[in-house]
Amino acid sequence: MVQSLNNRLTRIAITAFLLALAGWLSQAVAADLVLSWIDNSNNETGFLIDRKTGVNGTFAQIAAVGANVTTYVDIGLLVGTAFCNRALL
C-alpha cells in the first residue's frame, strides 16, 4: 500500500501526540494539603506533624511547628492517594 507523505506525517504526529499524552498521564500529579487544628493547650513548645499513607500505614514525622501554630501545608502529595495526618504536642 502506498501512502502520501502528508498522510504518513499525520499518522506520525498523532502517534507522537498519543505517546506524549500517555507519558503525561503516567507522571505523578502533586497537590498540597492544608492541615489545621485547634490549639487547646497553653503550655506547648510546638507540635509535631505526622503522616501515614492510607489507613493501615505507619505514622512518620514530616514536620515540626512552633508554639501556638495551628496550620501546616503538606506539599507535593500524590493526587488520588489517601493520607492520614496528626499533630502531636
Protein backbone atom coordinates (compact mmCIF):
# COMPACT_ATOMS: atom_id res chain seq x y z
CA MET A 1 0.00 0.00 0.00
CA VAL A 2 1.36 3.41 -0.98
CA GLN A 3 0.53 6.37 1.22
CA SER A 4 1.04 10.02 0.57
CA LEU A 5 3.69 11.86 2.52
CA ASN A 6 1.02 14.06 4.12
CA ASN A 7 -0.94 11.04 5.37
CA ARG A 8 2.21 9.49 6.85
CA LEU A 9 3.19 12.73 8.60
CA THR A 10 -0.32 12.98 10.04
CA ARG A 11 -0.03 9.44 11.42
CA ILE A 12 3.40 10.21 12.89
CA ALA A 13 2.07 13.37 14.52
CA ILE A 14 -0.93 11.53 16.01
CA THR A 15 1.32 8.73 17.28
CA ALA A 16 3.72 11.23 18.84
CA PHE A 17 0.81 13.05 20.48
CA LEU A 18 -0.59 9.80 21.92
CA LEU A 19 2.82 8.79 23.26
CA ALA A 20 3.27 12.21 24.85
CA LEU A 21 -0.21 12.02 26.36
CA ALA A 22 0.49 8.54 27.76
CA GLY A 23 3.73 9.81 29.30
CA TRP A 24 1.97 12.79 30.85
CA LEU A 25 -0.79 10.61 32.30
CA SER A 26 1.76 8.24 33.83
CA GLN A 27 3.52 11.03 35.74
CA ALA A 28 2.62 11.63 39.36
CA VAL A 29 0.49 14.71 39.87
CA ALA A 30 1.26 16.54 43.10
CA ALA A 31 -1.08 18.53 45.33
CA ASP A 32 -0.84 20.46 48.56
CA LEU A 33 -2.95 19.78 51.63
CA VAL A 34 -3.62 22.47 54.25
CA LEU A 35 -3.85 20.98 57.74
CA SER A 36 -5.37 22.92 60.61
CA TRP A 37 -6.23 22.13 64.20
CA ILE A 38 -7.43 23.78 67.40
CA ASP A 39 -4.79 24.59 69.99
CA ASN A 40 -6.39 23.72 73.34
CA SER A 41 -3.12 23.89 75.27
CA ASN A 42 -1.44 26.88 76.84
CA ASN A 43 1.98 25.47 77.64
CA GLU A 44 3.18 23.69 74.47
CA THR A 45 6.55 24.31 72.90
CA GLY A 46 5.26 23.27 69.49
CA PHE A 47 3.58 20.49 67.55
CA LEU A 48 4.95 17.52 65.63
CA ILE A 49 3.19 16.75 62.36
CA ASP A 50 2.96 13.08 61.38
CA ARG A 51 1.67 11.49 58.18
CA LYS A 52 0.94 7.98 57.01
CA THR A 53 -0.14 6.68 53.62
CA GLY A 54 -3.54 5.06 53.75
CA VAL A 55 -5.37 3.88 56.83
CA ASN A 56 -3.03 0.99 57.62
CA GLY A 57 0.28 2.75 57.10
CA THR A 58 2.77 3.72 59.80
CA PHE A 59 2.97 7.32 61.00
CA ALA A 60 6.25 9.15 60.39
CA GLN A 61 7.14 12.68 61.43
CA ILE A 62 7.20 15.07 58.48
CA ALA A 63 7.48 18.45 60.23
CA ALA A 64 7.54 20.39 63.46
CA VAL A 65 5.91 23.77 64.05
CA GLY A 66 6.25 26.25 66.89
CA ALA A 67 4.00 27.03 69.82
CA ASN A 68 0.55 28.44 69.00
CA VAL A 69 0.85 27.47 65.32
CA THR A 70 -2.38 25.86 64.15
CA THR A 71 -1.79 25.24 60.42
CA TYR A 72 0.68 23.38 58.25
CA VAL A 73 0.81 22.93 54.47
CA ASP A 74 1.79 19.42 53.40
CA ILE A 75 3.15 19.89 49.88
CA GLY A 76 3.82 17.62 46.94
CA LEU A 77 1.34 14.84 47.76
CA LEU A 78 0.37 12.30 45.14
CA VAL A 79 -3.15 13.02 43.90
CA GLY A 80 -5.52 10.11 44.40
CA THR A 81 -3.63 8.70 47.39
CA ALA A 82 -5.19 8.60 50.86
CA PHE A 83 -3.16 10.16 53.67
CA CYS A 84 -3.77 10.41 57.40
CA ASN A 85 -2.17 13.20 59.42
CA ARG A 86 -1.91 14.06 63.10
CA ALA A 87 -0.45 16.88 65.17
CA LEU A 88 1.13 15.94 68.50
CA LEU A 89 2.40 18.03 71.37
